[in-house]
Amino acid sequence: MQAFIESMTLPNLLMLIGTAGAIILIPIKDVISLEFYDICDVFISLFFVGLIMTKMDEGMEQNKFLLTGIFLGVSIVIILIKLFVFVPFQEKAETNALLSRKDYIGERGKVTVTITKEGLGEVVLYTVFGNVPMTAKIYHQENDGIIQIANGQMIRVMDIQESIVFVAPYEEKAFLPPLESHWGK
């Protein structure tokens, strides 16, 4: 064991730490990882830096430390950018960056999970930017008598509050002329 430790070089040590860290943390990474950064990425990166360093010549010892320094510097910069740039924007983001939630009012869609009178369901809205799944509730007007909106039925968004769309059944009516004309009689 003593000979193994003494023969350990920096690249081999980085590869060992990277492999062991990734294997140990894979089962518990969801608990430890930050929302924007997977902790296993650090160990996988360490493994690859060690792998690259083992391929370098023995005479390039200074470059190995330079490579390690660059790796650590870039990792810190990436963490800071994610922490101070991406996370604040992610907290303010809506489902689609090009549409505000209020823009969904009036959009058509289809029920994917049946919506009951007092319960919630799910709809898919058909927007110009693609299909957007949303949690939905029935939009009640006085004496409308709607008990539920069944799966597969077409809807139109009437209102939106706190990321829940309020929908009403929608029937697409095609414009057809009357079958017989009463003009001139």
C-alpha atoms as a PDB file:
ATOM      1  CA  MET A   1       0.000   0.000   0.000  1.00  0.00           C
ATOM      2  CA  GLN A   2       2.876   2.331   0.856  1.00  0.00           C
ATOM      3  CA  ALA A   3       4.449   1.707  -2.573  1.00  0.00           C
ATOM      4  CA  PHE A   4       1.122   2.435  -4.266  1.00  0.00           C
ATOM      5  CA  ILE A   5       0.781   5.776  -2.502  1.00  0.00           C
ATOM      6  CA  GLU A   6       4.389   6.758  -3.269  1.00  0.00           C
ATOM      7  CA  SER A   7       4.004   5.880  -6.959  1.00  0.00           C
ATOM      8  CA  MET A   8       0.857   8.030  -7.263  1.00  0.00           C
ATOM      9  CA  THR A   9       1.385  10.994  -9.578  1.00  0.00           C
ATOM     10  CA  LEU A  10      -0.790  14.101  -9.796  1.00  0.00           C
ATOM     11  CA  PRO A  11      -2.615  12.929 -12.950  1.00  0.00           C
ATOM     12  CA  ASN A  12      -3.295   9.505 -11.431  1.00  0.00           C
ATOM     13  CA  LEU A  13      -4.478  11.132  -8.207  1.00  0.00           C
ATOM     14  CA  LEU A  14      -6.883  13.390 -10.135  1.00  0.00           C
ATOM     15  CA  MET A  15      -8.242  10.410 -12.065  1.00  0.00           C
ATOM     16  CA  LEU A  16      -8.671   8.421  -8.841  1.00  0.00           C
ATOM     17  CA  ILE A  17     -10.443  11.301  -7.061  1.00  0.00           C
ATOM     18  CA  GLY A  18     -12.643  11.935 -10.099  1.00  0.00           C
ATOM     19  CA  THR A  19     -13.669   8.296 -10.465  1.00  0.00           C
ATOM     20  CA  ALA A  20     -14.244   7.703  -6.752  1.00  0.00           C
ATOM     21  CA  GLY A  21     -16.145  10.971  -6.292  1.00  0.00           C
ATOM     22  CA  ALA A  22     -18.452  10.340  -9.244  1.00  0.00           C
ATOM     23  CA  ILE A  23     -19.178   6.747  -8.192  1.00  0.00           C
ATOM     24  CA  ILE A  24     -19.861   7.711  -4.581  1.00  0.00           C
ATOM     25  CA  LEU A  25     -22.037  10.726  -5.409  1.00  0.00           C
ATOM     26  CA  ILE A  26     -24.189   9.265  -8.199  1.00  0.00           C
ATOM     27  CA  PRO A  27     -26.765   7.773  -5.782  1.00  0.00           C
ATOM     28  CA  ILE A  28     -27.009  10.938  -3.652  1.00  0.00           C
ATOM     29  CA  LYS A  29     -26.309  13.678  -6.208  1.00  0.00           C
ATOM     30  CA  ASP A  30     -29.912  14.917  -6.223  1.00  0.00           C
ATOM     31  CA  VAL A  31     -29.653  15.748  -2.532  1.00  0.00           C
ATOM     32  CA  ILE A  32     -26.250  17.441  -2.706  1.00  0.00           C
ATOM     33  CA  SER A  33     -26.337  19.127  -6.111  1.00  0.00           C
ATOM     34  CA  LEU A  34     -27.354  22.711  -6.576  1.00  0.00           C
ATOM     35  CA  GLU A  35     -30.265  23.457  -8.845  1.00  0.00           C
ATOM     36  CA  PHE A  36     -28.008  24.636 -11.654  1.00  0.00           C
ATOM     37  CA  TYR A  37     -24.844  22.606 -11.134  1.00  0.00           C
ATOM     38  CA  ASP A  38     -24.487  18.863 -10.836  1.00  0.00           C
ATOM     39  CA  ILE A  39     -21.813  18.012  -8.247  1.00  0.00           C
ATOM     40  CA  CYS A  40     -20.782  14.917 -10.227  1.00  0.00           C
ATOM     41  CA  ASP A  41     -19.625  17.214 -13.045  1.00  0.00           C
ATOM     42  CA  VAL A  42     -16.721  18.359 -10.863  1.00  0.00           C
ATOM     43  CA  PHE A  43     -15.459  14.821 -10.368  1.00  0.00           C
ATOM     44  CA  ILE A  44     -15.965  13.852 -13.997  1.00  0.00           C
ATOM     45  CA  SER A  45     -14.012  16.971 -15.010  1.00  0.00           C
ATOM     46  CA  LEU A  46     -11.224  16.047 -12.578  1.00  0.00           C
ATOM     47  CA  PHE A  47     -11.060  12.593 -14.139  1.00  0.00           C
ATOM     48  CA  PHE A  48     -10.668  14.037 -17.641  1.00  0.00           C
ATOM     49  CA  VAL A  49      -8.027  16.554 -16.531  1.00  0.00           C
ATOM     50  CA  GLY A  50      -6.080  13.661 -14.993  1.00  0.00           C
ATOM     51  CA  LEU A  51      -6.504  11.644 -18.180  1.00  0.00           C
ATOM     52  CA  ILE A  52      -5.215  14.513 -20.336  1.00  0.00           C
ATOM     53  CA  MET A  53      -2.304  15.063 -17.974  1.00  0.00           C
ATOM     54  CA  THR A  54      -1.232  11.402 -18.197  1.00  0.00           C
ATOM     55  CA  LYS A  55      -0.924  11.805 -21.972  1.00  0.00           C
ATOM     56  CA  MET A  56       1.445  14.764 -21.609  1.00  0.00           C
ATOM     57  CA  ASP A  57       5.209  14.220 -21.609  1.00  0.00           C
ATOM     58  CA  GLU A  58       7.045  13.863 -18.306  1.00  0.00           C
ATOM     59  CA  GLY A  59       9.173  16.909 -19.159  1.00  0.00           C
ATOM     60  CA  MET A  60       6.106  19.133 -19.212  1.00  0.00           C
ATOM     61  CA  GLU A  61       5.615  19.219 -15.438  1.00  0.00           C
ATOM     62  CA  GLN A  62       4.973  22.994 -15.422  1.00  0.00           C
ATOM     63  CA  ASN A  63       2.235  22.616 -18.026  1.00  0.00           C
ATOM     64  CA  LYS A  64       0.450  20.103 -15.804  1.00  0.00           C
ATOM     65  CA  PHE A  65       0.113  22.674 -13.044  1.00  0.00           C
ATOM     66  CA  LEU A  66      -0.919  25.283 -15.614  1.00  0.00           C
ATOM     67  CA  LEU A  67      -3.612  22.918 -16.936  1.00  0.00           C
ATOM     68  CA  THR A  68      -4.860  22.248 -13.406  1.00  0.00           C
ATOM     69  CA  GLY A  69      -4.941  25.992 -12.679  1.00  0.00           C
ATOM     70  CA  ILE A  70      -6.845  26.692 -15.891  1.00  0.00           C
ATOM     71  CA  PHE A  71      -9.346  23.929 -15.059  1.00  0.00           C
ATOM     72  CA  LEU A  72      -9.965  25.329 -11.585  1.00  0.00           C
ATOM     73  CA  GLY A  73     -10.201  28.899 -12.894  1.00  0.00           C
ATOM     74  CA  VAL A  74     -12.676  28.004 -15.626  1.00  0.00           C
ATOM     75  CA  SER A  75     -14.743  25.928 -13.169  1.00  0.00           C
ATOM     76  CA  ILE A  76     -14.959  28.860 -10.761  1.00  0.00           C
ATOM     77  CA  VAL A  77     -15.918  31.276 -13.560  1.00  0.00           C
ATOM     78  CA  ILE A  78     -18.648  28.879 -14.785  1.00  0.00           C
ATOM     79  CA  ILE A  79     -20.038  28.496 -11.271  1.00  0.00           C
ATOM     80  CA  LEU A  80     -20.088  32.276 -10.753  1.00  0.00           C
ATOM     81  CA  ILE A  81     -21.767  32.900 -14.118  1.00  0.00           C
ATOM     82  CA  LYS A  82     -24.424  30.272 -13.405  1.00  0.00           C
ATOM     83  CA  LEU A  83     -24.941  31.584  -9.875  1.00  0.00           C
ATOM     84  CA  PHE A  84     -25.172  35.298 -10.659  1.00  0.00           C
ATOM     85  CA  VAL A  85     -26.517  35.299 -14.239  1.00  0.00           C
ATOM     86  CA  PHE A  86     -28.537  32.163 -15.026  1.00  0.00           C
ATOM     87  CA  VAL A  87     -30.218  31.539 -11.659  1.00  0.00           C
ATOM     88  CA  PRO A  88     -31.735  35.057 -11.316  1.00  0.00           C
ATOM     89  CA  PHE A  89     -33.094  34.863 -14.880  1.00  0.00           C
ATOM     90  CA  GLN A  90     -34.358  31.323 -14.342  1.00  0.00           C
ATOM     91  CA  GLU A  91     -36.368  32.444 -11.308  1.00  0.00           C
ATOM     92  CA  LYS A  92     -38.068  35.161 -13.375  1.00  0.00           C
ATOM     93  CA  ALA A  93     -38.636  32.974 -16.420  1.00  0.00           C
ATOM     94  CA  GLU A  94     -42.051  31.796 -17.490  1.00  0.00           C
ATOM     95  CA  THR A  95     -42.874  28.728 -19.550  1.00  0.00           C
ATOM     96  CA  ASN A  96     -41.842  30.407 -22.750  1.00  0.00           C
ATOM     97  CA  ALA A  97     -39.486  33.369 -22.900  1.00  0.00           C
ATOM     98  CA  LEU A  98     -41.257  34.783 -25.955  1.00  0.00           C
ATOM     99  CA  LEU A  99     -44.758  34.743 -24.460  1.00  0.00           C
ATOM    100  CA  SER A 100     -46.080  36.234 -21.266  1.00  0.00           C
ATOM    101  CA  ARG A 101     -48.624  34.167 -19.369  1.00  0.00           C
ATOM    102  CA  LYS A 102     -51.275  36.786 -20.186  1.00  0.00           C
ATOM    103  CA  ASP A 103     -50.641  36.111 -23.896  1.00  0.00           C
ATOM    104  CA  TYR A 104     -52.233  32.678 -23.429  1.00  0.00           C
ATOM    105  CA  ILE A 105     -55.671  34.259 -22.940  1.00  0.00           C
ATOM    106  CA  GLY A 106     -57.747  33.462 -26.013  1.00  0.00           C
ATOM    107  CA  GLU A 107     -55.519  30.583 -27.142  1.00  0.00           C
ATOM    108  CA  ARG A 108     -57.124  27.300 -28.166  1.00  0.00           C
ATOM    109  CA  GLY A 109     -56.137  23.935 -26.786  1.00  0.00           C
ATOM    110  CA  LYS A 110     -57.193  20.421 -25.956  1.00  0.00           C
ATOM    111  CA  VAL A 111     -57.906  18.772 -22.603  1.00  0.00           C
ATOM    112  CA  THR A 112     -55.406  16.015 -21.777  1.00  0.00           C
ATOM    113  CA  VAL A 113     -56.628  15.294 -18.223  1.00  0.00           C
ATOM    114  CA  THR A 114     -60.369  15.687 -17.544  1.00  0.00           C
ATOM    115  CA  ILE A 115     -61.234  18.865 -15.664  1.00  0.00           C
ATOM    116  CA  THR A 116     -63.992  18.557 -13.042  1.00  0.00           C
ATOM    117  CA  LYS A 117     -66.174  21.382 -11.709  1.00  0.00           C
ATOM    118  CA  GLU A 118     -64.083  22.033  -8.590  1.00  0.00           C
ATOM    119  CA  GLY A 119     -60.922  20.132  -9.532  1.00  0.00           C
ATOM    120  CA  LEU A 120     -57.882  20.690 -11.676  1.00  0.00           C
ATOM    121  CA  GLY A 121     -56.987  19.102 -14.973  1.00  0.00           C
ATOM    122  CA  GLU A 122     -54.436  19.574 -17.699  1.00  0.00           C
ATOM    123  CA  VAL A 123     -54.638  21.111 -21.135  1.00  0.00           C
ATOM    124  CA  VAL A 124     -52.249  21.519 -24.032  1.00  0.00           C
ATOM    125  CA  LEU A 125     -52.350  24.973 -25.584  1.00  0.00           C
ATOM    126  CA  TYR A 126     -51.593  25.341 -29.277  1.00  0.00           C
ATOM    127  CA  THR A 127     -49.459  28.470 -29.637  1.00  0.00           C
ATOM    128  CA  VAL A 128     -47.401  29.779 -32.525  1.00  0.00           C
ATOM    129  CA  PHE A 129     -44.292  28.669 -30.616  1.00  0.00           C
ATOM    130  CA  GLY A 130     -45.456  25.100 -30.077  1.00  0.00           C
ATOM    131  CA  ASN A 131     -47.628  23.126 -27.698  1.00  0.00           C
ATOM    132  CA  VAL A 132     -47.589  24.195 -24.053  1.00  0.00           C
ATOM    133  CA  PRO A 133     -48.986  21.957 -21.278  1.00  0.00           C
ATOM    134  CA  MET A 134     -50.727  23.883 -18.482  1.00  0.00           C
ATOM    135  CA  THR A 135     -52.698  23.130 -15.330  1.00  0.00           C
ATOM    136  CA  ALA A 136     -56.322  24.103 -15.901  1.00  0.00           C
ATOM    137  CA  LYS A 137     -59.552  24.836 -14.094  1.00  0.00           C
ATOM    138  CA  ILE A 138     -63.059  25.409 -15.474  1.00  0.00           C
ATOM    139  CA  TYR A 139     -63.946  29.054 -16.092  1.00  0.00           C
ATOM    140  CA  HIS A 140     -67.337  29.504 -14.418  1.00  0.00           C
ATOM    141  CA  GLN A 141     -69.874  32.058 -15.485  1.00  0.00           C
ATOM    142  CA  GLU A 142     -73.241  32.495 -13.851  1.00  0.00           C
ATOM    143  CA  ASN A 143     -75.556  29.555 -14.584  1.00  0.00           C
ATOM    144  CA  ASP A 144     -73.322  28.011 -17.234  1.00  0.00           C
ATOM    145  CA  GLY A 145     -73.995  24.494 -15.939  1.00  0.00           C
ATOM    146  CA  ILE A 146     -70.602  23.037 -16.902  1.00  0.00           C
ATOM    147  CA  ILE A 147     -69.836  20.060 -14.659  1.00  0.00           C
ATOM    148  CA  GLN A 148     -66.701  18.810 -16.380  1.00  0.00           C
ATOM    149  CA  ILE A 149     -64.672  19.128 -19.551  1.00  0.00           C
ATOM    150  CA  ALA A 150     -63.764  15.690 -20.849  1.00  0.00           C
ATOM    151  CA  ASN A 151     -60.429  14.459 -22.096  1.00  0.00           C
ATOM    152  CA  GLY A 152     -59.921  15.309 -25.774  1.00  0.00           C
ATOM    153  CA  GLN A 153     -62.391  18.198 -25.827  1.00  0.00           C
ATOM    154  CA  MET A 154     -61.295  21.499 -27.380  1.00  0.00           C
ATOM    155  CA  ILE A 155     -61.049  24.516 -25.044  1.00  0.00           C
ATOM    156  CA  ARG A 156     -60.262  28.216 -25.129  1.00  0.00           C
ATOM    157  CA  VAL A 157     -58.329  30.015 -22.370  1.00  0.00           C
ATOM    158  CA  MET A 158     -60.508  32.650 -20.714  1.00  0.00           C
ATOM    159  CA  ASP A 159     -58.246  33.788 -17.852  1.00  0.00           C
ATOM    160  CA  ILE A 160     -54.993  32.927 -16.091  1.00  0.00           C
ATOM    161  CA  GLN A 161     -54.114  33.295 -12.423  1.00  0.00           C
ATOM    162  CA  GLU A 162     -50.995  32.026 -10.658  1.00  0.00           C
ATOM    163  CA  SER A 163     -49.995  29.724 -13.546  1.00  0.00           C
ATOM    164  CA  ILE A 164     -53.431  28.069 -13.684  1.00  0.00           C
ATOM    165  CA  VAL A 165     -55.413  28.662 -16.858  1.00  0.00           C
ATOM    166  CA  PHE A 166     -59.178  28.997 -16.632  1.00  0.00           C
ATOM    167  CA  VAL A 167     -60.778  27.411 -19.669  1.00  0.00           C
ATOM    168  CA  ALA A 168     -64.184  27.056 -21.285  1.00  0.00           C
ATOM    169  CA  PRO A 169     -65.330  24.472 -23.834  1.00  0.00           C
ATOM    170  CA  TYR A 170     -64.785  25.589 -27.394  1.00  0.00           C
ATOM    171  CA  GLU A 171     -66.394  24.365 -30.569  1.00  0.00           C
ATOM    172  CA  GLU A 172     -64.884  25.440 -33.816  1.00  0.00           C
ATOM    173  CA  LYS A 173     -67.724  26.627 -35.980  1.00  0.00           C
ATOM    174  CA  ALA A 174     -67.147  26.563 -39.672  1.00  0.00           C
ATOM    175  CA  PHE A 175     -68.877  29.242 -41.682  1.00  0.00           C
ATOM    176  CA  LEU A 176     -71.367  27.539 -43.929  1.00  0.00           C
ATOM    177  CA  PRO A 177     -74.031  29.234 -46.003  1.00  0.00           C
ATOM    178  CA  PRO A 178     -77.608  28.252 -45.271  1.00  0.00           C
ATOM    179  CA  LEU A 179     -78.821  25.149 -47.093  1.00  0.00           C
ATOM    180  CA  GLU A 180     -81.685  26.918 -48.794  1.00  0.00           C
ATOM    181  CA  SER A 181     -82.043  30.516 -49.534  1.00  0.00           C
ATOM    182  CA  HIS A 182     -85.175  32.309 -48.452  1.00  0.00           C
ATOM    183  CA  TRP A 183     -84.321  35.396 -50.475  1.00  0.00           C
ATOM    184  CA  GLY A 184     -86.805  36.353 -53.071  1.00  0.00           C
ATOM    185  CA  LYS A 185     -89.715  34.322 -51.678  1.00  0.00           C
END
